Amino acid sequence: MTEVILAWTGSALILLGALFSLLGALGVWRLPDAYTRMHSASKAGALGAVLTLLGVLCATGGQSWPAVLLAIAVLLVTAPLAAHAISRAAHRAGVRPKVAQLGDALAGKQDRRRS
């Protein structure tokens, strides 16, 4: 009975992870500028990968929990940091966001360190 529940839960989590990954890919395709595309890819992609890994954990009956938990921790730490670093480098390189009423908070500010 427990194996059946874990199999169904694992399948549902893997499908949900695939759906979030698809939504992230659609966001990359449809959103207007590099910053919103990066946000879509990093947030939805990381959540989709985490849900897929949790589905794998359920499908294996908990056999691979150390590897899955390590992979989830690495994803949750590196995805936002990488998106932030890439967006900061893009802003320094002159790629400006398409803004409406919010404005560009970094416009006119020079970085203290010039590298």
PDB file of N, CA and C in Angstrom:
ATOM      1  N   MET A   1       0.819  -1.195   0.000  1.00  0.00           N
ATOM      2  CA  MET A   1       0.000   0.000   0.000  1.00  0.00           C
ATOM      3  C   MET A   1       0.865   1.263   0.000  1.00  0.00           C
ATOM      4  N   THR A   2       1.914   1.271   0.807  1.00  0.00           N
ATOM      5  CA  THR A   2       2.785   2.434   0.871  1.00  0.00           C
ATOM      6  C   THR A   2       3.507   2.661  -0.451  1.00  0.00           C
ATOM      7  N   GLU A   3       3.896   1.564  -1.114  1.00  0.00           N
ATOM      8  CA  GLU A   3       4.584   1.702  -2.397  1.00  0.00           C
ATOM      9  C   GLU A   3       3.686   2.338  -3.447  1.00  0.00           C
ATOM     10  N   VAL A   4       2.412   2.001  -3.410  1.00  0.00           N
ATOM     11  CA  VAL A   4       1.465   2.563  -4.376  1.00  0.00           C
ATOM     12  C   VAL A   4       1.296   4.061  -4.138  1.00  0.00           C
ATOM     13  N   ILE A   5       1.168   4.459  -2.887  1.00  0.00           N
ATOM     14  CA  ILE A   5       1.021   5.880  -2.562  1.00  0.00           C
ATOM     15  C   ILE A   5       2.273   6.655  -2.953  1.00  0.00           C
ATOM     16  N   LEU A   6       3.447   6.085  -2.654  1.00  0.00           N
ATOM     17  CA  LEU A   6       4.698   6.750  -3.032  1.00  0.00           C
ATOM     18  C   LEU A   6       4.851   6.844  -4.548  1.00  0.00           C
ATOM     19  N   ALA A   7       4.421   5.825  -5.262  1.00  0.00           N
ATOM     20  CA  ALA A   7       4.515   5.855  -6.722  1.00  0.00           C
ATOM     21  C   ALA A   7       3.614   6.940  -7.307  1.00  0.00           C
ATOM     22  N   TRP A   8       2.385   7.034  -6.809  1.00  0.00           N
ATOM     23  CA  TRP A   8       1.468   8.067  -7.290  1.00  0.00           C
ATOM     24  C   TRP A   8       1.951   9.464  -6.900  1.00  0.00           C
ATOM     25  N   THR A   9       2.442   9.604  -5.687  1.00  0.00           N
ATOM     26  CA  THR A   9       2.955  10.898  -5.247  1.00  0.00           C
ATOM     27  C   THR A   9       4.183  11.294  -6.073  1.00  0.00           C
ATOM     28  N   GLY A  10       5.069  10.350  -6.309  1.00  0.00           N
ATOM     29  CA  GLY A  10       6.245  10.616  -7.125  1.00  0.00           C
ATOM     30  C   GLY A  10       5.876  11.017  -8.540  1.00  0.00           C
ATOM     31  N   SER A  11       4.910  10.338  -9.116  1.00  0.00           N
ATOM     32  CA  SER A  11       4.465  10.685 -10.468  1.00  0.00           C
ATOM     33  C   SER A  11       3.862  12.079 -10.515  1.00  0.00           C
ATOM     34  N   ALA A  12       3.045  12.403  -9.505  1.00  0.00           N
ATOM     35  CA  ALA A  12       2.423  13.730  -9.463  1.00  0.00           C
ATOM     36  C   ALA A  12       3.483  14.822  -9.298  1.00  0.00           C
ATOM     37  N   LEU A  13       4.467  14.589  -8.447  1.00  0.00           N
ATOM     38  CA  LEU A  13       5.522  15.592  -8.246  1.00  0.00           C
ATOM     39  C   LEU A  13       6.381  15.773  -9.499  1.00  0.00           C
ATOM     40  N   ILE A  14       6.675  14.688 -10.187  1.00  0.00           N
ATOM     41  CA  ILE A  14       7.461  14.787 -11.417  1.00  0.00           C
ATOM     42  C   ILE A  14       6.678  15.546 -12.487  1.00  0.00           C
ATOM     43  N   LEU A  15       5.382  15.272 -12.612  1.00  0.00           N
ATOM     44  CA  LEU A  15       4.568  16.008 -13.580  1.00  0.00           C
ATOM     45  C   LEU A  15       4.441  17.480 -13.209  1.00  0.00           C
ATOM     46  N   LEU A  16       4.296  17.768 -11.929  1.00  0.00           N
ATOM     47  CA  LEU A  16       4.223  19.152 -11.481  1.00  0.00           C
ATOM     48  C   LEU A  16       5.546  19.876 -11.730  1.00  0.00           C
ATOM     49  N   GLY A  17       6.650  19.184 -11.494  1.00  0.00           N
ATOM     50  CA  GLY A  17       7.961  19.767 -11.792  1.00  0.00           C
ATOM     51  C   GLY A  17       8.138  20.035 -13.277  1.00  0.00           C
ATOM     52  N   ALA A  18       7.661  19.124 -14.103  1.00  0.00           N
ATOM     53  CA  ALA A  18       7.739  19.341 -15.548  1.00  0.00           C
ATOM     54  C   ALA A  18       6.868  20.515 -15.973  1.00  0.00           C
ATOM     55  N   LEU A  19       5.712  20.684 -15.332  1.00  0.00           N
ATOM     56  CA  LEU A  19       4.834  21.812 -15.638  1.00  0.00           C
ATOM     57  C   LEU A  19       5.504  23.142 -15.270  1.00  0.00           C
ATOM     58  N   PHE A  20       6.129  23.207 -14.101  1.00  0.00           N
ATOM     59  CA  PHE A  20       6.819  24.429 -13.715  1.00  0.00           C
ATOM     60  C   PHE A  20       8.004  24.712 -14.632  1.00  0.00           C
ATOM     61  N   SER A  21       8.713  23.679 -15.046  1.00  0.00           N
ATOM     62  CA  SER A  21       9.820  23.879 -15.985  1.00  0.00           C
ATOM     63  C   SER A  21       9.301  24.393 -17.328  1.00  0.00           C
ATOM     64  N   LEU A  22       8.173  23.872 -17.761  1.00  0.00           N
ATOM     65  CA  LEU A  22       7.559  24.350 -19.001  1.00  0.00           C
ATOM     66  C   LEU A  22       7.132  25.812 -18.869  1.00  0.00           C
ATOM     67  N   LEU A  23       6.552  26.175 -17.724  1.00  0.00           N
ATOM     68  CA  LEU A  23       6.168  27.567 -17.504  1.00  0.00           C
ATOM     69  C   LEU A  23       7.393  28.485 -17.500  1.00  0.00           C
ATOM     70  N   GLY A  24       8.490  28.020 -16.924  1.00  0.00           N
ATOM     71  CA  GLY A  24       9.722  28.804 -16.960  1.00  0.00           C
ATOM     72  C   GLY A  24      10.231  28.988 -18.384  1.00  0.00           C
ATOM     73  N   ALA A  25      10.143  27.933 -19.186  1.00  0.00           N
ATOM     74  CA  ALA A  25      10.572  28.033 -20.579  1.00  0.00           C
ATOM     75  C   ALA A  25       9.663  28.967 -21.368  1.00  0.00           C
ATOM     76  N   LEU A  26       8.371  28.928 -21.108  1.00  0.00           N
ATOM     77  CA  LEU A  26       7.452  29.858 -21.765  1.00  0.00           C
ATOM     78  C   LEU A  26       7.739  31.303 -21.357  1.00  0.00           C
ATOM     79  N   GLY A  27       8.114  31.499 -20.100  1.00  0.00           N
ATOM     80  CA  GLY A  27       8.478  32.829 -19.649  1.00  0.00           C
ATOM     81  C   GLY A  27       9.719  33.346 -20.357  1.00  0.00           C
ATOM     82  N   VAL A  28      10.688  32.475 -20.560  1.00  0.00           N
ATOM     83  CA  VAL A  28      11.903  32.876 -21.288  1.00  0.00           C
ATOM     84  C   VAL A  28      11.547  33.256 -22.724  1.00  0.00           C
ATOM     85  N   TRP A  29      10.603  32.580 -23.284  1.00  0.00           N
ATOM     86  CA  TRP A  29      10.214  32.817 -24.668  1.00  0.00           C
ATOM     87  C   TRP A  29       9.374  34.095 -24.808  1.00  0.00           C
ATOM     88  N   ARG A  30       8.473  34.345 -23.853  1.00  0.00           N
ATOM     89  CA  ARG A  30       7.487  35.402 -24.027  1.00  0.00           C
ATOM     90  C   ARG A  30       7.791  36.731 -23.334  1.00  0.00           C
ATOM     91  N   LEU A  31       8.610  36.747 -22.315  1.00  0.00           N
ATOM     92  CA  LEU A  31       8.802  37.972 -21.546  1.00  0.00           C
ATOM     93  C   LEU A  31       9.665  38.984 -22.315  1.00  0.00           C
ATOM     94  N   PRO A  32       9.524  40.279 -22.000  1.00  0.00           N
ATOM     95  CA  PRO A  32      10.066  41.312 -22.885  1.00  0.00           C
ATOM     96  C   PRO A  32      11.569  41.569 -22.814  1.00  0.00           C
ATOM     97  N   ASP A  33      12.202  41.438 -21.650  1.00  0.00           N
ATOM     98  CA  ASP A  33      13.615  41.797 -21.595  1.00  0.00           C
ATOM     99  C   ASP A  33      14.424  40.726 -20.877  1.00  0.00           C
ATOM    100  N   ALA A  34      15.728  40.933 -20.857  1.00  0.00           N
ATOM    101  CA  ALA A  34      16.642  39.923 -20.318  1.00  0.00           C
ATOM    102  C   ALA A  34      16.426  39.679 -18.829  1.00  0.00           C
ATOM    103  N   TYR A  35      16.065  40.705 -18.093  1.00  0.00           N
ATOM    104  CA  TYR A  35      15.920  40.572 -16.649  1.00  0.00           C
ATOM    105  C   TYR A  35      14.681  39.760 -16.268  1.00  0.00           C
ATOM    106  N   THR A  36      13.579  40.006 -16.931  1.00  0.00           N
ATOM    107  CA  THR A  36      12.380  39.222 -16.632  1.00  0.00           C
ATOM    108  C   THR A  36      12.525  37.790 -17.133  1.00  0.00           C
ATOM    109  N   ARG A  37      13.211  37.614 -18.228  1.00  0.00           N
ATOM    110  CA  ARG A  37      13.462  36.255 -18.710  1.00  0.00           C
ATOM    111  C   ARG A  37      14.343  35.479 -17.740  1.00  0.00           C
ATOM    112  N   MET A  38      15.353  36.163 -17.216  1.00  0.00           N
ATOM    113  CA  MET A  38      16.235  35.513 -16.258  1.00  0.00           C
ATOM    114  C   MET A  38      15.486  35.153 -14.977  1.00  0.00           C
ATOM    115  N   HIS A  39      14.591  36.036 -14.552  1.00  0.00           N
ATOM    116  CA  HIS A  39      13.787  35.764 -13.364  1.00  0.00           C
ATOM    117  C   HIS A  39      12.925  34.522 -13.576  1.00  0.00           C
ATOM    118  N   SER A  40      12.301  34.446 -14.731  1.00  0.00           N
ATOM    119  CA  SER A  40      11.467  33.292 -15.042  1.00  0.00           C
ATOM    120  C   SER A  40      12.279  31.994 -15.073  1.00  0.00           C
ATOM    121  N   ALA A  41      13.427  32.057 -15.704  1.00  0.00           N
ATOM    122  CA  ALA A  41      14.253  30.859 -15.812  1.00  0.00           C
ATOM    123  C   ALA A  41      14.786  30.413 -14.465  1.00  0.00           C
ATOM    124  N   SER A  42      15.208  31.366 -13.633  1.00  0.00           N
ATOM    125  CA  SER A  42      15.816  30.964 -12.359  1.00  0.00           C
ATOM    126  C   SER A  42      14.777  30.506 -11.344  1.00  0.00           C
ATOM    127  N   LYS A  43      13.662  31.195 -11.255  1.00  0.00           N
ATOM    128  CA  LYS A  43      12.671  30.845 -10.231  1.00  0.00           C
ATOM    129  C   LYS A  43      11.855  29.616 -10.631  1.00  0.00           C
ATOM    130  N   ALA A  44      11.223  29.658 -11.787  1.00  0.00           N
ATOM    131  CA  ALA A  44      10.384  28.537 -12.204  1.00  0.00           C
ATOM    132  C   ALA A  44      11.229  27.304 -12.522  1.00  0.00           C
ATOM    133  N   GLY A  45      12.396  27.520 -13.100  1.00  0.00           N
ATOM    134  CA  GLY A  45      13.273  26.383 -13.401  1.00  0.00           C
ATOM    135  C   GLY A  45      13.769  25.691 -12.152  1.00  0.00           C
ATOM    136  N   ALA A  46      14.147  26.479 -11.145  1.00  0.00           N
ATOM    137  CA  ALA A  46      14.614  25.880  -9.887  1.00  0.00           C
ATOM    138  C   ALA A  46      13.478  25.153  -9.172  1.00  0.00           C
ATOM    139  N   LEU A  47      12.291  25.756  -9.150  1.00  0.00           N
ATOM    140  CA  LEU A  47      11.160  25.088  -8.504  1.00  0.00           C
ATOM    141  C   LEU A  47      10.781  23.809  -9.245  1.00  0.00           C
ATOM    142  N   GLY A  48      10.813  23.844 -10.568  1.00  0.00           N
ATOM    143  CA  GLY A  48      10.528  22.640 -11.344  1.00  0.00           C
ATOM    144  C   GLY A  48      11.537  21.534 -11.080  1.00  0.00           C
ATOM    145  N   ALA A  49      12.800  21.901 -10.988  1.00  0.00           N
ATOM    146  CA  ALA A  49      13.834  20.900 -10.702  1.00  0.00           C
ATOM    147  C   ALA A  49      13.692  20.337  -9.296  1.00  0.00           C
ATOM    148  N   VAL A  50      13.353  21.193  -8.327  1.00  0.00           N
ATOM    149  CA  VAL A  50      13.170  20.715  -6.950  1.00  0.00           C
ATOM    150  C   VAL A  50      11.982  19.755  -6.874  1.00  0.00           C
ATOM    151  N   LEU A  51      10.879  20.097  -7.524  1.00  0.00           N
ATOM    152  CA  LEU A  51       9.719  19.200  -7.516  1.00  0.00           C
ATOM    153  C   LEU A  51      10.023  17.881  -8.213  1.00  0.00           C
ATOM    154  N   THR A  52      10.778  17.938  -9.296  1.00  0.00           N
ATOM    155  CA  THR A  52      11.167  16.705  -9.981  1.00  0.00           C
ATOM    156  C   THR A  52      12.060  15.845  -9.091  1.00  0.00           C
ATOM    157  N   LEU A  53      12.997  16.470  -8.399  1.00  0.00           N
ATOM    158  CA  LEU A  53      13.863  15.712  -7.493  1.00  0.00           C
ATOM    159  C   LEU A  53      13.067  15.108  -6.330  1.00  0.00           C
ATOM    160  N   LEU A  54      12.094  15.841  -5.815  1.00  0.00           N
ATOM    161  CA  LEU A  54      11.245  15.271  -4.763  1.00  0.00           C
ATOM    162  C   LEU A  54      10.413  14.102  -5.292  1.00  0.00           C
ATOM    163  N   GLY A  55       9.986  14.205  -6.550  1.00  0.00           N
ATOM    164  CA  GLY A  55       9.287  13.082  -7.173  1.00  0.00           C
ATOM    165  C   GLY A  55      10.172  11.868  -7.319  1.00  0.00           C
ATOM    166  N   VAL A  56      11.429  12.090  -7.672  1.00  0.00           N
ATOM    167  CA  VAL A  56      12.386  10.979  -7.751  1.00  0.00           C
ATOM    168  C   VAL A  56      12.601  10.367  -6.372  1.00  0.00           C
ATOM    169  N   LEU A  57      12.659  11.214  -5.353  1.00  0.00           N
ATOM    170  CA  LEU A  57      12.817  10.715  -3.990  1.00  0.00           C
ATOM    171  C   LEU A  57      11.638   9.830  -3.591  1.00  0.00           C
ATOM    172  N   CYS A  58      10.431  10.252  -3.929  1.00  0.00           N
ATOM    173  CA  CYS A  58       9.254   9.432  -3.626  1.00  0.00           C
ATOM    174  C   CYS A  58       9.239   8.149  -4.453  1.00  0.00           C
ATOM    175  N   ALA A  59       9.603   8.269  -5.723  1.00  0.00           N
ATOM    176  CA  ALA A  59       9.564   7.104  -6.607  1.00  0.00           C
ATOM    177  C   ALA A  59      10.576   6.042  -6.200  1.00  0.00           C
ATOM    178  N   THR A  60      11.700   6.439  -5.619  1.00  0.00           N
ATOM    179  CA  THR A  60      12.697   5.465  -5.192  1.00  0.00           C
ATOM    180  C   THR A  60      12.429   4.960  -3.776  1.00  0.00           C
ATOM    181  N   GLY A  61      11.379   5.439  -3.162  1.00  0.00           N
ATOM    182  CA  GLY A  61      11.054   4.987  -1.813  1.00  0.00           C
ATOM    183  C   GLY A  61      12.000   5.538  -0.759  1.00  0.00           C
ATOM    184  N   GLY A  62      12.639   6.647  -1.045  1.00  0.00           N
ATOM    185  CA  GLY A  62      13.548   7.247  -0.086  1.00  0.00           C
ATOM    186  C   GLY A  62      14.942   6.662  -0.104  1.00  0.00           C
ATOM    187  N   GLN A  63      15.242   5.844  -1.098  1.00  0.00           N
ATOM    188  CA  GLN A  63      16.554   5.201  -1.165  1.00  0.00           C
ATOM    189  C   GLN A  63      17.679   6.189  -1.423  1.00  0.00           C
ATOM    190  N   SER A  64      17.387   7.252  -2.176  1.00  0.00           N
ATOM    191  CA  SER A  64      18.441   8.175  -2.583  1.00  0.00           C
ATOM    192  C   SER A  64      18.310   9.539  -1.904  1.00  0.00           C
ATOM    193  N   TRP A  65      17.861   9.566  -0.680  1.00  0.00           N
ATOM    194  CA  TRP A  65      17.592  10.842  -0.017  1.00  0.00           C
ATOM    195  C   TRP A  65      18.820  11.713   0.195  1.00  0.00           C
ATOM    196  N   PRO A  66      20.020  11.183   0.496  1.00  0.00           N
ATOM    197  CA  PRO A  66      21.150  12.115   0.663  1.00  0.00           C
ATOM    198  C   PRO A  66      21.497  12.863  -0.631  1.00  0.00           C
ATOM    199  N   ALA A  67      21.512  12.150  -1.741  1.00  0.00           N
ATOM    200  CA  ALA A  67      21.845  12.778  -3.017  1.00  0.00           C
ATOM    201  C   ALA A  67      20.775  13.782  -3.433  1.00  0.00           C
ATOM    202  N   VAL A  68      19.511  13.439  -3.220  1.00  0.00           N
ATOM    203  CA  VAL A  68      18.421  14.341  -3.595  1.00  0.00           C
ATOM    204  C   VAL A  68      18.438  15.596  -2.734  1.00  0.00           C
ATOM    205  N   LEU A  69      18.636  15.436  -1.433  1.00  0.00           N
ATOM    206  CA  LEU A  69      18.674  16.607  -0.558  1.00  0.00           C
ATOM    207  C   LEU A  69      19.875  17.500  -0.854  1.00  0.00           C
ATOM    208  N   LEU A  70      20.997  16.909  -1.186  1.00  0.00           N
ATOM    209  CA  LEU A  70      22.167  17.702  -1.563  1.00  0.00           C
ATOM    210  C   LEU A  70      21.908  18.463  -2.866  1.00  0.00           C
ATOM    211  N   ALA A  71      21.299  17.796  -3.830  1.00  0.00           N
ATOM    212  CA  ALA A  71      20.991  18.453  -5.099  1.00  0.00           C
ATOM    213  C   ALA A  71      19.997  19.594  -4.897  1.00  0.00           C
ATOM    214  N   ILE A  72      18.994  19.399  -4.050  1.00  0.00           N
ATOM    215  CA  ILE A  72      18.019  20.458  -3.773  1.00  0.00           C
ATOM    216  C   ILE A  72      18.703  21.642  -3.085  1.00  0.00           C
ATOM    217  N   ALA A  73      19.567  21.359  -2.131  1.00  0.00           N
ATOM    218  CA  ALA A  73      20.268  22.441  -1.436  1.00  0.00           C
ATOM    219  C   ALA A  73      21.144  23.232  -2.404  1.00  0.00           C
ATOM    220  N   VAL A  74      21.837  22.534  -3.280  1.00  0.00           N
ATOM    221  CA  VAL A  74      22.683  23.218  -4.257  1.00  0.00           C
ATOM    222  C   VAL A  74      21.833  24.072  -5.197  1.00  0.00           C
ATOM    223  N   LEU A  75      20.709  23.548  -5.651  1.00  0.00           N
ATOM    224  CA  LEU A  75      19.817  24.319  -6.528  1.00  0.00           C
ATOM    225  C   LEU A  75      19.282  25.564  -5.843  1.00  0.00           C
ATOM    226  N   LEU A  76      18.835  25.425  -4.606  1.00  0.00           N
ATOM    227  CA  LEU A  76      18.237  26.553  -3.909  1.00  0.00           C
ATOM    228  C   LEU A  76      19.258  27.623  -3.544  1.00  0.00           C
ATOM    229  N   VAL A  77      20.524  27.249  -3.442  1.00  0.00           N
ATOM    230  CA  VAL A  77      21.558  28.236  -3.136  1.00  0.00           C
ATOM    231  C   VAL A  77      22.088  28.878  -4.420  1.00  0.00           C
ATOM    232  N   THR A  78      22.331  28.093  -5.440  1.00  0.00           N
ATOM    233  CA  THR A  78      23.017  28.616  -6.619  1.00  0.00           C
ATOM    234  C   THR A  78      22.114  29.328  -7.616  1.00  0.00           C
ATOM    235  N   ALA A  79      20.876  28.935  -7.757  1.00  0.00           N
ATOM    236  CA  ALA A  79      20.004  29.562  -8.766  1.00  0.00           C
ATOM    237  C   ALA A  79      19.798  31.057  -8.514  1.00  0.00           C
ATOM    238  N   PRO A  80      19.427  31.491  -7.308  1.00  0.00           N
ATOM    239  CA  PRO A  80      19.273  32.937  -7.114  1.00  0.00           C
ATOM    240  C   PRO A  80      20.594  33.701  -7.186  1.00  0.00           C
ATOM    241  N   LEU A  81      21.665  33.096  -6.684  1.00  0.00           N
ATOM    242  CA  LEU A  81      22.962  33.768  -6.742  1.00  0.00           C
ATOM    243  C   LEU A  81      23.446  33.942  -8.177  1.00  0.00           C
ATOM    244  N   ALA A  82      23.261  32.933  -8.984  1.00  0.00           N
ATOM    245  CA  ALA A  82      23.675  33.026 -10.385  1.00  0.00           C
ATOM    246  C   ALA A  82      22.838  34.062 -11.133  1.00  0.00           C
ATOM    247  N   ALA A  83      21.537  34.085 -10.892  1.00  0.00           N
ATOM    248  CA  ALA A  83      20.681  35.072 -11.557  1.00  0.00           C
ATOM    249  C   ALA A  83      21.071  36.485 -11.148  1.00  0.00           C
ATOM    250  N   HIS A  84      21.380  36.682  -9.873  1.00  0.00           N
ATOM    251  CA  HIS A  84      21.784  38.002  -9.411  1.00  0.00           C
ATOM    252  C   HIS A  84      23.109  38.422 -10.041  1.00  0.00           C
ATOM    253  N   ALA A  85      24.071  37.531 -10.081  1.00  0.00           N
ATOM    254  CA  ALA A  85      25.377  37.856 -10.652  1.00  0.00           C
ATOM    255  C   ALA A  85      25.270  38.168 -12.146  1.00  0.00           C
ATOM    256  N   ILE A  86      24.474  37.387 -12.853  1.00  0.00           N
ATOM    257  CA  ILE A  86      24.321  37.619 -14.289  1.00  0.00           C
ATOM    258  C   ILE A  86      23.588  38.931 -14.550  1.00  0.00           C
ATOM    259  N   SER A  87      22.553  39.223 -13.769  1.00  0.00           N
ATOM    260  CA  SER A  87      21.814  40.473 -13.983  1.00  0.00           C
ATOM    261  C   SER A  87      22.668  41.690 -13.629  1.00  0.00           C
ATOM    262  N   ARG A  88      23.478  41.577 -12.614  1.00  0.00           N
ATOM    263  CA  ARG A  88      24.372  42.694 -12.257  1.00  0.00           C
ATOM    264  C   ARG A  88      25.415  42.919 -13.350  1.00  0.00           C
ATOM    265  N   ALA A  89      25.957  41.840 -13.877  1.00  0.00           N
ATOM    266  CA  ALA A  89      26.924  41.972 -14.970  1.00  0.00           C
ATOM    267  C   ALA A  89      26.268  42.553 -16.224  1.00  0.00           C
ATOM    268  N   ALA A  90      25.033  42.165 -16.493  1.00  0.00           N
ATOM    269  CA  ALA A  90      24.325  42.711 -17.654  1.00  0.00           C
ATOM    270  C   ALA A  90      24.068  44.200 -17.469  1.00  0.00           C
ATOM    271  N   HIS A  91      23.696  44.609 -16.274  1.00  0.00           N
ATOM    272  CA  HIS A  91      23.449  46.032 -16.028  1.00  0.00           C
ATOM    273  C   HIS A  91      24.734  46.835 -16.161  1.00  0.00           C
ATOM    274  N   ARG A  92      25.831  46.286 -15.666  1.00  0.00           N
ATOM    275  CA  ARG A  92      27.127  46.961 -15.814  1.00  0.00           C
ATOM    276  C   ARG A  92      27.547  47.056 -17.272  1.00  0.00           C
ATOM    277  N   ALA A  93      27.166  46.066 -18.070  1.00  0.00           N
ATOM    278  CA  ALA A  93      27.536  46.057 -19.486  1.00  0.00           C
ATOM    279  C   ALA A  93      26.648  46.971 -20.322  1.00  0.00           C
ATOM    280  N   GLY A  94      25.619  47.534 -19.707  1.00  0.00           N
ATOM    281  CA  GLY A  94      24.785  48.480 -20.437  1.00  0.00           C
ATOM    282  C   GLY A  94      23.452  47.950 -20.901  1.00  0.00           C
ATOM    283  N   VAL A  95      23.104  46.743 -20.532  1.00  0.00           N
ATOM    284  CA  VAL A  95      21.796  46.196 -20.892  1.00  0.00           C
ATOM    285  C   VAL A  95      20.783  46.777 -19.912  1.00  0.00           C
ATOM    286  N   ARG A  96      19.885  47.602 -20.402  1.00  0.00           N
ATOM    287  CA  ARG A  96      18.917  48.263 -19.535  1.00  0.00           C
ATOM    288  C   ARG A  96      17.575  47.545 -19.596  1.00  0.00           C
ATOM    289  N   PRO A  97      16.886  47.474 -18.457  1.00  0.00           N
ATOM    290  CA  PRO A  97      15.576  46.821 -18.452  1.00  0.00           C
ATOM    291  C   PRO A  97      14.516  47.696 -19.115  1.00  0.00           C
ATOM    292  N   LYS A  98      13.510  47.038 -19.659  1.00  0.00           N
ATOM    293  CA  LYS A  98      12.354  47.763 -20.182  1.00  0.00           C
ATOM    294  C   LYS A  98      11.437  48.020 -19.001  1.00  0.00           C
ATOM    295  N   VAL A  99      11.405  49.255 -18.564  1.00  0.00           N
ATOM    296  CA  VAL A  99      10.641  49.590 -17.366  1.00  0.00           C
ATOM    297  C   VAL A  99       9.460  50.459 -17.736  1.00  0.00           C
ATOM    298  N   ALA A 100       8.468  50.405 -16.884  1.00  0.00           N
ATOM    299  CA  ALA A 100       7.292  51.248 -17.086  1.00  0.00           C
ATOM    300  C   ALA A 100       7.270  52.294 -15.981  1.00  0.00           C
ATOM    301  N   GLN A 101       6.419  52.115 -15.002  1.00  0.00           N
ATOM    302  CA  GLN A 101       6.265  53.098 -13.939  1.00  0.00           C
ATOM    303  C   GLN A 101       7.278  52.911 -12.817  1.00  0.00           C
ATOM    304  N   LEU A 102       7.854  51.733 -12.694  1.00  0.00           N
ATOM    305  CA  LEU A 102       8.742  51.470 -11.572  1.00  0.00           C
ATOM    306  C   LEU A 102      10.093  52.150 -11.714  1.00  0.00           C
ATOM    307  N   GLY A 103      10.584  52.274 -12.908  1.00  0.00           N
ATOM    308  CA  GLY A 103      11.880  52.896 -13.119  1.00  0.00           C
ATOM    309  C   GLY A 103      13.022  51.917 -12.898  1.00  0.00           C
ATOM    310  N   ASP A 104      14.214  52.406 -13.142  1.00  0.00           N
ATOM    311  CA  ASP A 104      15.422  51.612 -12.977  1.00  0.00           C
ATOM    312  C   ASP A 104      16.132  52.086 -11.716  1.00  0.00           C
ATOM    313  N   ALA A 105      16.127  51.300 -10.669  1.00  0.00           N
ATOM    314  CA  ALA A 105      16.693  51.701  -9.382  1.00  0.00           C
ATOM    315  C   ALA A 105      18.206  51.890  -9.447  1.00  0.00           C
ATOM    316  N   LEU A 106      18.867  51.237 -10.371  1.00  0.00           N
ATOM    317  CA  LEU A 106      20.323  51.350 -10.463  1.00  0.00           C
ATOM    318  C   LEU A 106      20.791  52.397 -11.467  1.00  0.00           C
ATOM    319  N   ALA A 107      19.864  53.029 -12.147  1.00  0.00           N
ATOM    320  CA  ALA A 107      20.257  54.028 -13.142  1.00  0.00           C
ATOM    321  C   ALA A 107      20.923  55.214 -12.448  1.00  0.00           C
ATOM    322  N   GLY A 108      22.054  55.626 -12.965  1.00  0.00           N
ATOM    323  CA  GLY A 108      22.759  56.771 -12.421  1.00  0.00           C
ATOM    324  C   GLY A 108      23.675  56.447 -11.263  1.00  0.00           C
ATOM    325  N   LYS A 109      23.628  55.257 -10.737  1.00  0.00           N
ATOM    326  CA  LYS A 109      24.513  54.886  -9.639  1.00  0.00           C
ATOM    327  C   LYS A 109      25.753  54.221 -10.215  1.00  0.00           C
ATOM    328  N   GLN A 110      26.893  54.684  -9.777  1.00  0.00           N
ATOM    329  CA  GLN A 110      28.139  54.060 -10.193  1.00  0.00           C
ATOM    330  C   GLN A 110      28.562  53.070  -9.125  1.00  0.00           C
ATOM    331  N   ASP A 111      29.137  51.989  -9.561  1.00  0.00           N
ATOM    332  CA  ASP A 111      29.622  50.987  -8.630  1.00  0.00           C
ATOM    333  C   ASP A 111      30.892  51.492  -7.972  1.00  0.00           C
ATOM    334  N   ARG A 112      31.058  51.214  -6.695  1.00  0.00           N
ATOM    335  CA  ARG A 112      32.245  51.657  -5.967  1.00  0.00           C
ATOM    336  C   ARG A 112      33.511  51.000  -6.485  1.00  0.00           C
ATOM    337  N   ARG A 113      33.392  49.728  -6.809  1.00  0.00           N
ATOM    338  CA  ARG A 113      34.553  48.999  -7.325  1.00  0.00           C
ATOM    339  C   ARG A 113      34.486  48.963  -8.836  1.00  0.00           C
ATOM    340  N   ARG A 114      35.534  49.300  -9.465  1.00  0.00           N
ATOM    341  CA  ARG A 114      35.615  49.175 -10.911  1.00  0.00           C
ATOM    342  C   ARG A 114      36.528  48.012 -11.224  1.00  0.00           C
ATOM    343  N   SER A 115      35.958  46.986 -11.829  1.00  0.00           N
ATOM    344  CA  SER A 115      36.780  45.822 -12.137  1.00  0.00           C
ATOM    345  C   SER A 115      36.791  45.539 -13.606  1.00  0.00           C
TER     346      SER A 115
END
